[in-house]
C-alpha atoms as a PDB file:
ATOM      1  CA  MET A   1      30.910 -15.535 -31.793  1.00  0.00           C
ATOM      2  CA  ALA A   2      30.287 -17.530 -28.602  1.00  0.00           C
ATOM      3  CA  ASP A   3      26.904 -19.051 -27.906  1.00  0.00           C
ATOM      4  CA  ASN A   4      24.889 -17.732 -24.987  1.00  0.00           C
ATOM      5  CA  LYS A   5      25.523 -19.702 -21.805  1.00  0.00           C
ATOM      6  CA  THR A   6      21.951 -19.312 -20.640  1.00  0.00           C
ATOM      7  CA  ALA A   7      19.543 -20.836 -23.149  1.00  0.00           C
ATOM      8  CA  PRO A   8      16.207 -22.621 -22.912  1.00  0.00           C
ATOM      9  CA  THR A   9      16.394 -26.301 -22.062  1.00  0.00           C
ATOM     10  CA  THR A  10      13.932 -29.186 -22.030  1.00  0.00           C
ATOM     11  CA  ALA A  11      14.340 -29.728 -18.273  1.00  0.00           C
ATOM     12  CA  SER A  12      11.200 -29.587 -16.151  1.00  0.00           C
ATOM     13  CA  PRO A  13      10.813 -26.410 -14.072  1.00  0.00           C
ATOM     14  CA  ALA A  14       8.604 -28.291 -11.583  1.00  0.00           C
ATOM     15  CA  ASN A  15      11.242 -31.004 -11.141  1.00  0.00           C
ATOM     16  CA  TYR A  16      13.905 -28.354 -10.663  1.00  0.00           C
ATOM     17  CA  ILE A  17      11.850 -26.614  -7.961  1.00  0.00           C
ATOM     18  CA  ASP A  18      11.177 -29.992  -6.299  1.00  0.00           C
ATOM     19  CA  SER A  19      14.943 -30.571  -6.110  1.00  0.00           C
ATOM     20  CA  VAL A  20      15.673 -27.346  -4.188  1.00  0.00           C
ATOM     21  CA  GLY A  21      17.096 -28.429  -0.828  1.00  0.00           C
ATOM     22  CA  ASN A  22      16.039 -25.433   1.257  1.00  0.00           C
ATOM     23  CA  GLU A  23      12.388 -25.907   2.204  1.00  0.00           C
ATOM     24  CA  ARG A  24      11.612 -22.154   2.311  1.00  0.00           C
ATOM     25  CA  ARG A  25      13.186 -21.617  -1.137  1.00  0.00           C
ATOM     26  CA  ARG A  26      11.319 -24.634  -2.517  1.00  0.00           C
ATOM     27  CA  GLN A  27       7.968 -23.354  -1.193  1.00  0.00           C
ATOM     28  CA  ASP A  28       8.627 -19.845  -2.487  1.00  0.00           C
ATOM     29  CA  GLY A  29       9.738 -21.341  -5.826  1.00  0.00           C
ATOM     30  CA  GLU A  30       6.490 -23.291  -6.108  1.00  0.00           C
ATOM     31  CA  HIS A  31       4.540 -20.120  -5.338  1.00  0.00           C
ATOM     32  CA  LEU A  32       6.489 -18.091  -7.936  1.00  0.00           C
ATOM     33  CA  LEU A  33       6.094 -20.852 -10.527  1.00  0.00           C
ATOM     34  CA  ALA A  34       2.303 -20.663 -10.210  1.00  0.00           C
ATOM     35  CA  LEU A  35       2.173 -16.868  -9.790  1.00  0.00           C
ATOM     36  CA  MET A  36       4.334 -15.995 -12.788  1.00  0.00           C
ATOM     37  CA  GLY A  37       2.569 -18.553 -14.967  1.00  0.00           C
ATOM     38  CA  ARG A  38      -0.836 -17.123 -14.070  1.00  0.00           C
ATOM     39  CA  ILE A  39       0.182 -13.494 -14.536  1.00  0.00           C
ATOM     40  CA  THR A  40       2.140 -13.906 -17.777  1.00  0.00           C
ATOM     41  CA  GLY A  41       0.004 -16.610 -19.378  1.00  0.00           C
ATOM     42  CA  GLU A  42       3.310 -18.218 -20.420  1.00  0.00           C
ATOM     43  CA  GLU A  43       4.514 -21.752 -19.829  1.00  0.00           C
ATOM     44  CA  ALA A  44       7.541 -22.021 -17.535  1.00  0.00           C
ATOM     45  CA  VAL A  45      10.809 -22.942 -19.267  1.00  0.00           C
ATOM     46  CA  MET A  46      14.183 -23.715 -17.723  1.00  0.00           C
ATOM     47  CA  TRP A  47      16.936 -21.379 -18.931  1.00  0.00           C
ATOM     48  CA  GLY A  48      20.214 -23.028 -18.145  1.00  0.00           C
ATOM     49  CA  PRO A  49      20.366 -25.236 -15.067  1.00  0.00           C
ATOM     50  CA  SER A  50      18.798 -22.881 -12.510  1.00  0.00           C
ATOM     51  CA  MET A  51      16.632 -20.122 -14.026  1.00  0.00           C
ATOM     52  CA  VAL A  52      12.886 -20.522 -14.541  1.00  0.00           C
ATOM     53  CA  GLY A  53      11.626 -18.185 -17.256  1.00  0.00           C
ATOM     54  CA  PHE A  54       8.303 -17.029 -18.659  1.00  0.00           C
ATOM     55  CA  GLY A  55       8.371 -15.671 -22.192  1.00  0.00           C
ATOM     56  CA  SER A  56      11.424 -14.379 -24.019  1.00  0.00           C
ATOM     57  CA  TYR A  57      12.758 -11.401 -25.917  1.00  0.00           C
ATOM     58  CA  HIS A  58      15.421 -10.904 -28.553  1.00  0.00           C
ATOM     59  CA  TYR A  59      18.302  -8.509 -27.946  1.00  0.00           C
ATOM     60  CA  LYS A  60      20.997  -7.067 -30.146  1.00  0.00           C
ATOM     61  CA  TYR A  61      23.919  -5.014 -28.868  1.00  0.00           C
ATOM     62  CA  ALA A  62      25.762  -2.353 -30.864  1.00  0.00           C
ATOM     63  CA  THR A  63      28.706  -4.793 -31.000  1.00  0.00           C
ATOM     64  CA  GLY A  64      26.592  -7.125 -33.119  1.00  0.00           C
ATOM     65  CA  ARG A  65      26.129  -9.713 -30.372  1.00  0.00           C
ATOM     66  CA  GLU A  66      22.539 -10.862 -30.226  1.00  0.00           C
ATOM     67  CA  GLY A  67      20.423 -13.581 -28.743  1.00  0.00           C
ATOM     68  CA  ASP A  68      17.367 -14.440 -26.744  1.00  0.00           C
ATOM     69  CA  ALA A  69      16.762 -14.146 -23.015  1.00  0.00           C
ATOM     70  CA  LEU A  70      13.933 -14.896 -20.627  1.00  0.00           C
ATOM     71  CA  ALA A  71      11.421 -12.058 -20.283  1.00  0.00           C
ATOM     72  CA  VAL A  72      10.717 -12.568 -16.582  1.00  0.00           C
ATOM     73  CA  GLY A  73      11.701 -15.348 -14.265  1.00  0.00           C
ATOM     74  CA  PHE A  74      13.367 -16.411 -11.066  1.00  0.00           C
ATOM     75  CA  SER A  75      15.965 -18.614  -9.470  1.00  0.00           C
ATOM     76  CA  PRO A  76      15.639 -19.943  -5.913  1.00  0.00           C
ATOM     77  CA  ARG A  77      19.299 -19.510  -4.957  1.00  0.00           C
ATOM     78  CA  SER A  78      20.704 -20.617  -1.620  1.00  0.00           C
ATOM     79  CA  ALA A  79      21.198 -17.021  -0.398  1.00  0.00           C
ATOM     80  CA  ASN A  80      17.974 -15.498  -1.764  1.00  0.00           C
ATOM     81  CA  LEU A  81      15.379 -15.499  -4.509  1.00  0.00           C
ATOM     82  CA  ALA A  82      16.655 -13.806  -7.655  1.00  0.00           C
ATOM     83  CA  LEU A  83      13.911 -12.383  -9.876  1.00  0.00           C
ATOM     84  CA  TYR A  84      14.608 -11.302 -13.445  1.00  0.00           C
ATOM     85  CA  GLY A  85      12.983  -8.779 -15.784  1.00  0.00           C
ATOM     86  CA  LEU A  86      11.132  -6.822 -13.118  1.00  0.00           C
ATOM     87  CA  THR A  87      13.249  -3.675 -12.845  1.00  0.00           C
ATOM     88  CA  TYR A  88      13.416  -2.269 -16.415  1.00  0.00           C
ATOM     89  CA  ALA A  89       9.882  -1.102 -17.169  1.00  0.00           C
ATOM     90  CA  PRO A  90       8.842   2.514 -16.736  1.00  0.00           C
ATOM     91  CA  GLY A  91       7.057   2.648 -13.391  1.00  0.00           C
ATOM     92  CA  ALA A  92       9.071  -0.185 -11.837  1.00  0.00           C
ATOM     93  CA  ASP A  93      11.011   2.166  -9.533  1.00  0.00           C
ATOM     94  CA  GLU A  94       7.803   3.463  -7.990  1.00  0.00           C
ATOM     95  CA  LEU A  95       6.553  -0.089  -7.383  1.00  0.00           C
ATOM     96  CA  LEU A  96       9.906  -1.161  -5.952  1.00  0.00           C
ATOM     97  CA  GLY A  97       9.503   1.590  -3.370  1.00  0.00           C
ATOM     98  CA  LYS A  98       6.311  -0.116  -2.195  1.00  0.00           C
ATOM     99  CA  LEU A  99       7.524  -3.725  -2.442  1.00  0.00           C
ATOM    100  CA  GLY A 100       9.054  -4.262   0.964  1.00  0.00           C
ATOM    101  CA  GLN A 101      12.444  -5.681   1.910  1.00  0.00           C
ATOM    102  CA  HIS A 102      14.562  -6.260  -1.214  1.00  0.00           C
ATOM    103  CA  LYS A 103      17.810  -5.428  -2.986  1.00  0.00           C
ATOM    104  CA  THR A 104      18.482  -4.772  -6.636  1.00  0.00           C
ATOM    105  CA  GLY A 105      21.485  -5.602  -8.778  1.00  0.00           C
ATOM    106  CA  ALA A 106      22.378  -4.841 -12.373  1.00  0.00           C
ATOM    107  CA  ALA A 107      19.366  -6.697 -13.756  1.00  0.00           C
ATOM    108  CA  CYS A 108      17.967  -8.573 -10.773  1.00  0.00           C
ATOM    109  CA  LEU A 109      15.648  -8.101  -7.875  1.00  0.00           C
ATOM    110  CA  TYR A 110      16.702 -10.033  -4.773  1.00  0.00           C
ATOM    111  CA  ILE A 111      14.405 -10.973  -1.914  1.00  0.00           C
ATOM    112  CA  ASN A 112      15.082 -13.260   1.030  1.00  0.00           C
ATOM    113  CA  LYS A 113      11.601 -14.756   1.129  1.00  0.00           C
ATOM    114  CA  LEU A 114       8.165 -13.955  -0.249  1.00  0.00           C
ATOM    115  CA  ASP A 115       6.938 -13.112   3.260  1.00  0.00           C
ATOM    116  CA  ASP A 116       9.249 -10.058   3.151  1.00  0.00           C
ATOM    117  CA  VAL A 117       7.358  -8.377   0.310  1.00  0.00           C
ATOM    118  CA  ASP A 118       3.877  -7.177  -0.588  1.00  0.00           C
ATOM    119  CA  LEU A 119       2.615  -9.865  -2.974  1.00  0.00           C
ATOM    120  CA  ASP A 120       0.134  -7.488  -4.622  1.00  0.00           C
ATOM    121  CA  VAL A 121       3.012  -5.161  -5.526  1.00  0.00           C
ATOM    122  CA  LEU A 122       5.099  -8.138  -6.690  1.00  0.00           C
ATOM    123  CA  GLU A 123       2.235  -9.202  -8.969  1.00  0.00           C
ATOM    124  CA  GLN A 124       2.138  -5.700 -10.446  1.00  0.00           C
ATOM    125  CA  LEU A 125       5.914  -5.809 -11.034  1.00  0.00           C
ATOM    126  CA  ILE A 126       5.655  -9.192 -12.751  1.00  0.00           C
ATOM    127  CA  ASN A 127       2.817  -8.005 -14.989  1.00  0.00           C
ATOM    128  CA  LEU A 128       4.522  -4.706 -15.822  1.00  0.00           C
ATOM    129  CA  GLY A 129       7.902  -6.348 -16.374  1.00  0.00           C
ATOM    130  CA  HIS A 130       6.575  -9.090 -18.623  1.00  0.00           C
ATOM    131  CA  ARG A 131       4.531  -6.737 -20.773  1.00  0.00           C
ATOM    132  CA  TYR A 132       7.511  -4.418 -21.179  1.00  0.00           C
ATOM    133  CA  MET A 133      10.130  -7.086 -21.853  1.00  0.00           C
ATOM    134  CA  VAL A 134       8.109  -8.714 -24.639  1.00  0.00           C
ATOM    135  CA  SER A 135       7.044  -5.385 -26.151  1.00  0.00           C
ATOM    136  CA  GLU A 136       8.694  -3.558 -29.010  1.00  0.00           C
ATOM    137  CA  ASN A 137       9.428  -0.693 -26.597  1.00  0.00           C
ATOM    138  CA  PHE A 138      12.051  -2.574 -24.586  1.00  0.00           C
ATOM    139  CA  THR A 139      15.599  -1.398 -25.093  1.00  0.00           C
ATOM    140  CA  GLN A 140      18.605  -2.869 -23.344  1.00  0.00           C
ATOM    141  CA  ALA A 141      20.071  -0.381 -20.862  1.00  0.00           C
END
């Protein structure tokens, strides 16, 4: 069975954020680094070359494939900020309706910049998402 492509590394999340070329993405990345750390109480860890994660969970599919993934996190991509682990928890849909300008994908929340969203609602999503992803109640959709 193949190893997971996205795994924790020893790279520095702060150094990664410092290396982001787009100034807006770098500033938003610094803000998310502090915000997610404060809310989750977890230390930031790089997952692969471009994902900053806080906490982890173990998954196992019916096929037998299993592994670990970041509980919540983000990646300051060139096109947008991708946020992970914030859309699964019961109650997330209601909060997403109050968040502000965003898009969702299969497992991601995409925002152009932090100024586009209500930061109080984002904090609630981070808290809710983290608690759910690390709980025994989380089930992969």
